[in-house]
PDB file of N, CA and C in Angstrom:
ATOM      1  N   MET A   1    -190.594 -16.249  83.367  1.00  0.00           N
ATOM      2  CA  MET A   1    -191.060 -17.628  83.453  1.00  0.00           C
ATOM      3  C   MET A   1    -189.897 -18.582  83.191  1.00  0.00           C
ATOM      4  N   HIS A   2    -190.113 -19.844  83.483  1.00  0.00           N
ATOM      5  CA  HIS A   2    -189.092 -20.866  83.305  1.00  0.00           C
ATOM      6  C   HIS A   2    -189.090 -21.390  81.882  1.00  0.00           C
ATOM      7  N   GLY A   3    -188.069 -22.189  81.580  1.00  0.00           N
ATOM      8  CA  GLY A   3    -187.990 -22.827  80.269  1.00  0.00           C
ATOM      9  C   GLY A   3    -189.053 -23.894  80.107  1.00  0.00           C
ATOM     10  N   GLY A   4    -189.090 -24.438  78.912  1.00  0.00           N
ATOM     11  CA  GLY A   4    -190.091 -25.463  78.645  1.00  0.00           C
ATOM     12  C   GLY A   4    -189.623 -26.462  77.613  1.00  0.00           C
ATOM     13  N   TRP A   5    -190.366 -27.532  77.506  1.00  0.00           N
ATOM     14  CA  TRP A   5    -190.075 -28.624  76.585  1.00  0.00           C
ATOM     15  C   TRP A   5    -191.294 -28.929  75.725  1.00  0.00           C
ATOM     16  N   VAL A   6    -191.052 -29.164  74.454  1.00  0.00           N
ATOM     17  CA  VAL A   6    -192.053 -29.743  73.563  1.00  0.00           C
ATOM     18  C   VAL A   6    -191.626 -31.189  73.384  1.00  0.00           C
ATOM     19  N   TYR A   7    -192.573 -32.110  73.453  1.00  0.00           N
ATOM     20  CA  TYR A   7    -192.218 -33.525  73.359  1.00  0.00           C
ATOM     21  C   TYR A   7    -193.262 -34.281  72.558  1.00  0.00           C
ATOM     22  N   ILE A   8    -192.829 -35.428  72.038  1.00  0.00           N
ATOM     23  CA  ILE A   8    -193.743 -36.316  71.324  1.00  0.00           C
ATOM     24  C   ILE A   8    -193.660 -37.694  71.959  1.00  0.00           C
ATOM     25  N   MET A   9    -194.834 -38.238  72.278  1.00  0.00           N
ATOM     26  CA  MET A   9    -194.964 -39.581  72.849  1.00  0.00           C
ATOM     27  C   MET A   9    -195.617 -40.489  71.808  1.00  0.00           C
ATOM     28  N   THR A  10    -195.338 -41.788  71.908  1.00  0.00           N
ATOM     29  CA  THR A  10    -195.981 -42.775  71.046  1.00  0.00           C
ATOM     30  C   THR A  10    -196.099 -44.092  71.804  1.00  0.00           C
ATOM     31  N   ASN A  11    -196.781 -45.047  71.192  1.00  0.00           N
ATOM     32  CA  ASN A  11    -196.890 -46.385  71.778  1.00  0.00           C
ATOM     33  C   ASN A  11    -196.027 -47.391  71.027  1.00  0.00           C
ATOM     34  N   ALA A  12    -195.576 -47.035  69.823  1.00  0.00           N
ATOM     35  CA  ALA A  12    -194.737 -47.912  68.995  1.00  0.00           C
ATOM     36  C   ALA A  12    -194.176 -47.075  67.856  1.00  0.00           C
ATOM     37  N   PRO A  13    -193.074 -47.506  67.248  1.00  0.00           N
ATOM     38  CA  PRO A  13    -192.581 -46.770  66.082  1.00  0.00           C
ATOM     39  C   PRO A  13    -193.691 -46.596  65.044  1.00  0.00           C
ATOM     40  N   HIS A  14    -193.853 -45.379  64.599  1.00  0.00           N
ATOM     41  CA  HIS A  14    -194.863 -45.014  63.601  1.00  0.00           C
ATOM     42  C   HIS A  14    -196.289 -45.230  64.111  1.00  0.00           C
ATOM     43  N   GLY A  15    -196.465 -45.297  65.439  1.00  0.00           N
ATOM     44  CA  GLY A  15    -197.790 -45.493  66.021  1.00  0.00           C
ATOM     45  C   GLY A  15    -198.500 -44.168  66.260  1.00  0.00           C
ATOM     46  N   THR A  16    -199.450 -44.194  67.170  1.00  0.00           N
ATOM     47  CA  THR A  16    -200.199 -43.000  67.547  1.00  0.00           C
ATOM     48  C   THR A  16    -199.244 -41.986  68.170  1.00  0.00           C
ATOM     49  N   LEU A  17    -199.418 -40.706  67.840  1.00  0.00           N
ATOM     50  CA  LEU A  17    -198.541 -39.648  68.343  1.00  0.00           C
ATOM     51  C   LEU A  17    -199.301 -38.695  69.251  1.00  0.00           C
ATOM     52  N   TYR A  18    -198.603 -38.212  70.268  1.00  0.00           N
ATOM     53  CA  TYR A  18    -199.132 -37.178  71.157  1.00  0.00           C
ATOM     54  C   TYR A  18    -198.070 -36.101  71.285  1.00  0.00           C
ATOM     55  N   ILE A  19    -198.434 -34.859  71.040  1.00  0.00           N
ATOM     56  CA  ILE A  19    -197.518 -33.734  71.193  1.00  0.00           C
ATOM     57  C   ILE A  19    -197.922 -32.982  72.442  1.00  0.00           C
ATOM     58  N   GLY A  20    -196.947 -32.743  73.317  1.00  0.00           N
ATOM     59  CA  GLY A  20    -197.225 -32.045  74.563  1.00  0.00           C
ATOM     60  C   GLY A  20    -196.181 -30.993  74.870  1.00  0.00           C
ATOM     61  N   VAL A  21    -196.431 -30.233  75.921  1.00  0.00           N
ATOM     62  CA  VAL A  21    -195.516 -29.200  76.383  1.00  0.00           C
ATOM     63  C   VAL A  21    -195.504 -29.229  77.907  1.00  0.00           C
ATOM     64  N   THR A  22    -194.345 -28.948  78.491  1.00  0.00           N
ATOM     65  CA  THR A  22    -194.227 -28.955  79.945  1.00  0.00           C
ATOM     66  C   THR A  22    -193.035 -28.111  80.378  1.00  0.00           C
ATOM     67  N   ALA A  23    -193.085 -27.636  81.606  1.00  0.00           N
ATOM     68  CA  ALA A  23    -191.950 -26.944  82.203  1.00  0.00           C
ATOM     69  C   ALA A  23    -191.106 -27.909  83.030  1.00  0.00           C
ATOM     70  N   ASN A  24    -191.663 -29.067  83.371  1.00  0.00           N
ATOM     71  CA  ASN A  24    -190.954 -30.049  84.199  1.00  0.00           C
ATOM     72  C   ASN A  24    -191.009 -31.402  83.493  1.00  0.00           C
ATOM     73  N   LEU A  25    -190.063 -31.636  82.608  1.00  0.00           N
ATOM     74  CA  LEU A  25    -190.097 -32.830  81.771  1.00  0.00           C
ATOM     75  C   LEU A  25    -190.039 -34.138  82.564  1.00  0.00           C
ATOM     76  N   PRO A  26    -189.112 -34.317  83.507  1.00  0.00           N
ATOM     77  CA  PRO A  26    -189.086 -35.594  84.240  1.00  0.00           C
ATOM     78  C   PRO A  26    -190.405 -35.901  84.953  1.00  0.00           C
ATOM     79  N   ALA A  27    -190.992 -34.905  85.606  1.00  0.00           N
ATOM     80  CA  ALA A  27    -192.257 -35.128  86.321  1.00  0.00           C
ATOM     81  C   ALA A  27    -193.386 -35.451  85.349  1.00  0.00           C
ATOM     82  N   ARG A  28    -193.416 -34.760  84.217  1.00  0.00           N
ATOM     83  CA  ARG A  28    -194.481 -35.001  83.237  1.00  0.00           C
ATOM     84  C   ARG A  28    -194.361 -36.395  82.640  1.00  0.00           C
ATOM     85  N   MET A  29    -193.136 -36.840  82.371  1.00  0.00           N
ATOM     86  CA  MET A  29    -192.942 -38.180  81.804  1.00  0.00           C
ATOM     87  C   MET A  29    -193.352 -39.257  82.806  1.00  0.00           C
ATOM     88  N   MET A  30    -193.037 -39.049  84.069  1.00  0.00           N
ATOM     89  CA  MET A  30    -193.456 -40.013  85.092  1.00  0.00           C
ATOM     90  C   MET A  30    -194.979 -40.055  85.172  1.00  0.00           C
ATOM     91  N   ALA A  31    -195.618 -38.906  85.082  1.00  0.00           N
ATOM     92  CA  ALA A  31    -197.084 -38.868  85.114  1.00  0.00           C
ATOM     93  C   ALA A  31    -197.662 -39.659  83.941  1.00  0.00           C
ATOM     94  N   HIS A  32    -197.114 -39.467  82.744  1.00  0.00           N
ATOM     95  CA  HIS A  32    -197.594 -40.228  81.583  1.00  0.00           C
ATOM     96  C   HIS A  32    -197.393 -41.727  81.802  1.00  0.00           C
ATOM     97  N   ARG A  33    -196.224 -42.107  82.283  1.00  0.00           N
ATOM     98  CA  ARG A  33    -195.906 -43.528  82.456  1.00  0.00           C
ATOM     99  C   ARG A  33    -196.754 -44.188  83.536  1.00  0.00           C
ATOM    100  N   GLU A  34    -197.183 -43.407  84.510  1.00  0.00           N
ATOM    101  CA  GLU A  34    -197.991 -43.945  85.609  1.00  0.00           C
ATOM    102  C   GLU A  34    -199.489 -43.774  85.369  1.00  0.00           C
ATOM    103  N   GLY A  35    -199.865 -43.310  84.177  1.00  0.00           N
ATOM    104  CA  GLY A  35    -201.279 -43.148  83.856  1.00  0.00           C
ATOM    105  C   GLY A  35    -201.913 -41.903  84.433  1.00  0.00           C
ATOM    106  N   ARG A  36    -201.096 -40.960  84.896  1.00  0.00           N
ATOM    107  CA  ARG A  36    -201.610 -39.712  85.460  1.00  0.00           C
ATOM    108  C   ARG A  36    -201.433 -38.549  84.497  1.00  0.00           C
ATOM    109  N   GLY A  37    -200.931 -38.828  83.287  1.00  0.00           N
ATOM    110  CA  GLY A  37    -200.741 -37.776  82.284  1.00  0.00           C
ATOM    111  C   GLY A  37    -202.056 -37.478  81.598  1.00  0.00           C
ATOM    112  N   SER A  38    -201.975 -37.188  80.335  1.00  0.00           N
ATOM    113  CA  SER A  38    -203.194 -36.862  79.591  1.00  0.00           C
ATOM    114  C   SER A  38    -204.081 -38.092  79.414  1.00  0.00           C
ATOM    115  N   GLU A  39    -205.360 -37.847  79.290  1.00  0.00           N
ATOM    116  CA  GLU A  39    -206.313 -38.935  79.049  1.00  0.00           C
ATOM    117  C   GLU A  39    -206.013 -39.625  77.720  1.00  0.00           C
ATOM    118  N   PHE A  40    -205.604 -38.841  76.722  1.00  0.00           N
ATOM    119  CA  PHE A  40    -205.276 -39.397  75.409  1.00  0.00           C
ATOM    120  C   PHE A  40    -204.119 -40.389  75.519  1.00  0.00           C
ATOM    121  N   CYS A  41    -203.058 -40.013  76.233  1.00  0.00           N
ATOM    122  CA  CYS A  41    -201.911 -40.917  76.408  1.00  0.00           C
ATOM    123  C   CYS A  41    -202.317 -42.176  77.162  1.00  0.00           C
ATOM    124  N   ARG A  42    -203.151 -42.017  78.149  1.00  0.00           N
ATOM    125  CA  ARG A  42    -203.616 -43.162  78.933  1.00  0.00           C
ATOM    126  C   ARG A  42    -204.448 -44.098  78.057  1.00  0.00           C
ATOM    127  N   LYS A  43    -205.352 -43.542  77.258  1.00  0.00           N
ATOM    128  CA  LYS A  43    -206.229 -44.342  76.403  1.00  0.00           C
ATOM    129  C   LYS A  43    -205.440 -45.166  75.394  1.00  0.00           C
ATOM    130  N   TRP A  44    -204.402 -44.582  74.810  1.00  0.00           N
ATOM    131  CA  TRP A  44    -203.643 -45.241  73.747  1.00  0.00           C
ATOM    132  C   TRP A  44    -202.323 -45.843  74.235  1.00  0.00           C
ATOM    133  N   SER A  45    -202.077 -45.846  75.550  1.00  0.00           N
ATOM    134  CA  SER A  45    -200.845 -46.400  76.141  1.00  0.00           C
ATOM    135  C   SER A  45    -199.594 -45.773  75.531  1.00  0.00           C
ATOM    136  N   LEU A  46    -199.596 -44.457  75.472  1.00  0.00           N
ATOM    137  CA  LEU A  46    -198.457 -43.732  74.906  1.00  0.00           C
ATOM    138  C   LEU A  46    -197.444 -43.463  76.011  1.00  0.00           C
ATOM    139  N   THR A  47    -196.424 -44.292  76.083  1.00  0.00           N
ATOM    140  CA  THR A  47    -195.419 -44.161  77.138  1.00  0.00           C
ATOM    141  C   THR A  47    -194.009 -43.976  76.594  1.00  0.00           C
ATOM    142  N   ARG A  48    -193.838 -44.055  75.292  1.00  0.00           N
ATOM    143  CA  ARG A  48    -192.501 -43.952  74.691  1.00  0.00           C
ATOM    144  C   ARG A  48    -192.249 -42.501  74.268  1.00  0.00           C
ATOM    145  N   LEU A  49    -191.240 -41.889  74.878  1.00  0.00           N
ATOM    146  CA  LEU A  49    -190.831 -40.528  74.544  1.00  0.00           C
ATOM    147  C   LEU A  49    -189.873 -40.600  73.356  1.00  0.00           C
ATOM    148  N   VAL A  50    -190.271 -40.046  72.211  1.00  0.00           N
ATOM    149  CA  VAL A  50    -189.448 -40.196  71.004  1.00  0.00           C
ATOM    150  C   VAL A  50    -188.895 -38.886  70.455  1.00  0.00           C
ATOM    151  N   TYR A  51    -189.323 -37.753  71.004  1.00  0.00           N
ATOM    152  CA  TYR A  51    -188.819 -36.476  70.488  1.00  0.00           C
ATOM    153  C   TYR A  51    -188.881 -35.409  71.571  1.00  0.00           C
ATOM    154  N   LEU A  52    -187.855 -34.540  71.583  1.00  0.00           N
ATOM    155  CA  LEU A  52    -187.758 -33.454  72.562  1.00  0.00           C
ATOM    156  C   LEU A  52    -187.226 -32.189  71.913  1.00  0.00           C
ATOM    157  N   GLU A  53    -187.722 -31.056  72.348  1.00  0.00           N
ATOM    158  CA  GLU A  53    -187.147 -29.753  72.013  1.00  0.00           C
ATOM    159  C   GLU A  53    -187.183 -28.909  73.276  1.00  0.00           C
ATOM    160  N   HIS A  54    -186.064 -28.279  73.618  1.00  0.00           N
ATOM    161  CA  HIS A  54    -186.018 -27.411  74.794  1.00  0.00           C
ATOM    162  C   HIS A  54    -186.065 -25.947  74.366  1.00  0.00           C
ATOM    163  N   TYR A  55    -186.763 -25.144  75.160  1.00  0.00           N
ATOM    164  CA  TYR A  55    -186.850 -23.702  74.943  1.00  0.00           C
ATOM    165  C   TYR A  55    -186.532 -22.989  76.246  1.00  0.00           C
ATOM    166  N   ASP A  56    -185.857 -21.856  76.144  1.00  0.00           N
ATOM    167  CA  ASP A  56    -185.516 -21.083  77.340  1.00  0.00           C
ATOM    168  C   ASP A  56    -186.749 -20.473  77.999  1.00  0.00           C
ATOM    169  N   ARG A  57    -187.769 -20.223  77.198  1.00  0.00           N
ATOM    170  CA  ARG A  57    -189.004 -19.630  77.723  1.00  0.00           C
ATOM    171  C   ARG A  57    -190.170 -20.575  77.461  1.00  0.00           C
ATOM    172  N   ILE A  58    -190.978 -20.804  78.468  1.00  0.00           N
ATOM    173  CA  ILE A  58    -192.137 -21.698  78.324  1.00  0.00           C
ATOM    174  C   ILE A  58    -193.097 -21.162  77.267  1.00  0.00           C
ATOM    175  N   GLU A  59    -193.177 -19.850  77.147  1.00  0.00           N
ATOM    176  CA  GLU A  59    -194.066 -19.261  76.139  1.00  0.00           C
ATOM    177  C   GLU A  59    -193.675 -19.702  74.725  1.00  0.00           C
ATOM    178  N   ASP A  60    -192.368 -19.782  74.477  1.00  0.00           N
ATOM    179  CA  ASP A  60    -191.890 -20.231  73.162  1.00  0.00           C
ATOM    180  C   ASP A  60    -192.198 -21.707  72.944  1.00  0.00           C
ATOM    181  N   ALA A  61    -192.077 -22.492  74.000  1.00  0.00           N
ATOM    182  CA  ALA A  61    -192.405 -23.918  73.903  1.00  0.00           C
ATOM    183  C   ALA A  61    -193.892 -24.103  73.595  1.00  0.00           C
ATOM    184  N   ILE A  62    -194.734 -23.318  74.222  1.00  0.00           N
ATOM    185  CA  ILE A  62    -196.182 -23.408  73.982  1.00  0.00           C
ATOM    186  C   ILE A  62    -196.505 -23.049  72.534  1.00  0.00           C
ATOM    187  N   LYS A  63    -195.866 -22.007  72.012  1.00  0.00           N
ATOM    188  CA  LYS A  63    -196.078 -21.625  70.607  1.00  0.00           C
ATOM    189  C   LYS A  63    -195.664 -22.755  69.672  1.00  0.00           C
ATOM    190  N   ARG A  64    -194.518 -23.355  69.956  1.00  0.00           N
ATOM    191  CA  ARG A  64    -194.025 -24.440  69.107  1.00  0.00           C
ATOM    192  C   ARG A  64    -194.963 -25.645  69.176  1.00  0.00           C
ATOM    193  N   GLU A  65    -195.424 -25.996  70.368  1.00  0.00           N
ATOM    194  CA  GLU A  65    -196.355 -27.117  70.512  1.00  0.00           C
ATOM    195  C   GLU A  65    -197.600 -26.887  69.656  1.00  0.00           C
ATOM    196  N   LYS A  66    -198.162 -25.707  69.741  1.00  0.00           N
ATOM    197  CA  LYS A  66    -199.363 -25.398  68.960  1.00  0.00           C
ATOM    198  C   LYS A  66    -199.087 -25.513  67.465  1.00  0.00           C
ATOM    199  N   SER A  67    -197.905 -25.079  67.053  1.00  0.00           N
ATOM    200  CA  SER A  67    -197.533 -25.161  65.640  1.00  0.00           C
ATOM    201  C   SER A  67    -197.399 -26.613  65.184  1.00  0.00           C
ATOM    202  N   VAL A  68    -196.648 -27.419  65.934  1.00  0.00           N
ATOM    203  CA  VAL A  68    -196.419 -28.823  65.555  1.00  0.00           C
ATOM    204  C   VAL A  68    -197.732 -29.601  65.549  1.00  0.00           C
ATOM    205  N   LYS A  69    -198.628 -29.298  66.454  1.00  0.00           N
ATOM    206  CA  LYS A  69    -199.923 -29.989  66.487  1.00  0.00           C
ATOM    207  C   LYS A  69    -200.722 -29.773  65.203  1.00  0.00           C
ATOM    208  N   ARG A  70    -200.476 -28.664  64.517  1.00  0.00           N
ATOM    209  CA  ARG A  70    -201.186 -28.378  63.264  1.00  0.00           C
ATOM    210  C   ARG A  70    -200.531 -29.040  62.048  1.00  0.00           C
ATOM    211  N   TRP A  71    -199.348 -29.583  62.224  1.00  0.00           N
ATOM    212  CA  TRP A  71    -198.618 -30.193  61.110  1.00  0.00           C
ATOM    213  C   TRP A  71    -199.302 -31.455  60.612  1.00  0.00           C
ATOM    214  N   LYS A  72    -199.021 -31.788  59.354  1.00  0.00           N
ATOM    215  CA  LYS A  72    -199.422 -33.081  58.805  1.00  0.00           C
ATOM    216  C   LYS A  72    -198.638 -34.172  59.520  1.00  0.00           C
ATOM    217  N   ARG A  73    -199.226 -35.342  59.616  1.00  0.00           N
ATOM    218  CA  ARG A  73    -198.570 -36.471  60.283  1.00  0.00           C
ATOM    219  C   ARG A  73    -197.193 -36.756  59.677  1.00  0.00           C
ATOM    220  N   GLN A  74    -197.080 -36.713  58.361  1.00  0.00           N
ATOM    221  CA  GLN A  74    -195.802 -37.016  57.704  1.00  0.00           C
ATOM    222  C   GLN A  74    -194.700 -36.069  58.163  1.00  0.00           C
ATOM    223  N   TRP A  75    -195.034 -34.810  58.388  1.00  0.00           N
ATOM    224  CA  TRP A  75    -194.037 -33.853  58.857  1.00  0.00           C
ATOM    225  C   TRP A  75    -193.573 -34.209  60.267  1.00  0.00           C
ATOM    226  N   LYS A  76    -194.514 -34.647  61.100  1.00  0.00           N
ATOM    227  CA  LYS A  76    -194.161 -35.051  62.466  1.00  0.00           C
ATOM    228  C   LYS A  76    -193.250 -36.277  62.442  1.00  0.00           C
ATOM    229  N   LEU A  77    -193.568 -37.241  61.581  1.00  0.00           N
ATOM    230  CA  LEU A  77    -192.734 -38.440  61.467  1.00  0.00           C
ATOM    231  C   LEU A  77    -191.333 -38.077  60.995  1.00  0.00           C
ATOM    232  N   LYS A  78    -191.237 -37.162  60.056  1.00  0.00           N
ATOM    233  CA  LYS A  78    -189.933 -36.726  59.549  1.00  0.00           C
ATOM    234  C   LYS A  78    -189.117 -36.062  60.657  1.00  0.00           C
ATOM    235  N   LEU A  79    -189.770 -35.265  61.485  1.00  0.00           N
ATOM    236  CA  LEU A  79    -189.110 -34.610  62.611  1.00  0.00           C
ATOM    237  C   LEU A  79    -188.530 -35.649  63.570  1.00  0.00           C
ATOM    238  N   ILE A  80    -189.311 -36.662  63.890  1.00  0.00           N
ATOM    239  CA  ILE A  80    -188.837 -37.723  64.788  1.00  0.00           C
ATOM    240  C   ILE A  80    -187.676 -38.475  64.149  1.00  0.00           C
ATOM    241  N   ARG A  81    -187.845 -38.890  62.893  1.00  0.00           N
ATOM    242  CA  ARG A  81    -186.796 -39.664  62.212  1.00  0.00           C
ATOM    243  C   ARG A  81    -185.494 -38.887  62.094  1.00  0.00           C
ATOM    244  N   ARG A  82    -185.578 -37.576  61.944  1.00  0.00           N
ATOM    245  CA  ARG A  82    -184.370 -36.753  61.830  1.00  0.00           C
ATOM    246  C   ARG A  82    -183.498 -36.861  63.084  1.00  0.00           C
ATOM    247  N   ASP A  83    -184.120 -36.779  64.260  1.00  0.00           N
ATOM    248  CA  ASP A  83    -183.372 -36.770  65.516  1.00  0.00           C
ATOM    249  C   ASP A  83    -183.314 -38.124  66.213  1.00  0.00           C
ATOM    250  N   ASN A  84    -184.226 -39.012  65.885  1.00  0.00           N
ATOM    251  CA  ASN A  84    -184.316 -40.301  66.573  1.00  0.00           C
ATOM    252  C   ASN A  84    -184.744 -41.373  65.561  1.00  0.00           C
ATOM    253  N   PRO A  85    -183.877 -41.691  64.590  1.00  0.00           N
ATOM    254  CA  PRO A  85    -184.270 -42.593  63.498  1.00  0.00           C
ATOM    255  C   PRO A  85    -184.688 -43.986  63.952  1.00  0.00           C
ATOM    256  N   ASP A  86    -184.208 -44.431  65.094  1.00  0.00           N
ATOM    257  CA  ASP A  86    -184.570 -45.763  65.594  1.00  0.00           C
ATOM    258  C   ASP A  86    -185.767 -45.729  66.539  1.00  0.00           C
ATOM    259  N   TRP A  87    -186.345 -44.566  66.729  1.00  0.00           N
ATOM    260  CA  TRP A  87    -187.502 -44.397  67.607  1.00  0.00           C
ATOM    261  C   TRP A  87    -187.219 -44.926  69.022  1.00  0.00           C
ATOM    262  N   ASN A  88    -185.996 -44.671  69.511  1.00  0.00           N
ATOM    263  CA  ASN A  88    -185.635 -45.082  70.866  1.00  0.00           C
ATOM    264  C   ASN A  88    -186.448 -44.296  71.888  1.00  0.00           C
ATOM    265  N   ASP A  89    -186.690 -44.916  73.030  1.00  0.00           N
ATOM    266  CA  ASP A  89    -187.365 -44.236  74.133  1.00  0.00           C
ATOM    267  C   ASP A  89    -186.339 -43.322  74.801  1.00  0.00           C
ATOM    268  N   LEU A  90    -186.564 -42.030  74.752  1.00  0.00           N
ATOM    269  CA  LEU A  90    -185.621 -41.051  75.283  1.00  0.00           C
ATOM    270  C   LEU A  90    -185.796 -40.805  76.779  1.00  0.00           C
ATOM    271  N   PHE A  91    -186.710 -41.515  77.401  1.00  0.00           N
ATOM    272  CA  PHE A  91    -186.971 -41.322  78.828  1.00  0.00           C
ATOM    273  C   PHE A  91    -185.700 -41.494  79.655  1.00  0.00           C
ATOM    274  N   GLU A  92    -184.916 -42.512  79.340  1.00  0.00           N
ATOM    275  CA  GLU A  92    -183.694 -42.766  80.118  1.00  0.00           C
ATOM    276  C   GLU A  92    -182.696 -41.624  79.984  1.00  0.00           C
ATOM    277  N   THR A  93    -182.679 -40.941  78.839  1.00  0.00           N
ATOM    278  CA  THR A  93    -181.724 -39.846  78.657  1.00  0.00           C
ATOM    279  C   THR A  93    -182.075 -38.646  79.527  1.00  0.00           C
ATOM    280  N   ILE A  94    -183.336 -38.450  79.826  1.00  0.00           N
ATOM    281  CA  ILE A  94    -183.712 -37.314  80.673  1.00  0.00           C
ATOM    282  C   ILE A  94    -183.678 -37.690  82.145  1.00  0.00           C
ATOM    283  N   ASN A  95    -183.665 -38.969  82.430  1.00  0.00           N
ATOM    284  CA  ASN A  95    -183.705 -39.445  83.810  1.00  0.00           C
ATOM    285  C   ASN A  95    -182.328 -39.864  84.313  1.00  0.00           C
ATOM    286  N   ALA A  96    -181.300 -39.637  83.499  1.00  0.00           N
ATOM    287  CA  ALA A  96    -179.935 -40.067  83.863  1.00  0.00           C
ATOM    288  C   ALA A  96    -179.312 -39.146  84.887  1.00  0.00           C
TER     289      ALA A  96
END
């Protein structure tokens, strides 16, 4: 199988969080931004990509996504702040 990505979307710094997984990150981000992604992202206007992790195997990415989804919110915030302290939208970095 192909590699995969675990990602976190939000609508504002410290706002609502969505954790997802995909094998095609650019296409998935465009779907979220155009309202064709998850219903949850559409409902809460989650268009800001604030965290990414790449895995060589999609199976590993899926395991990680399931794990992070079970985390306490504070742990998720700490993860984002560690790699993206300013909560910048990382969409441009993957679309460059």
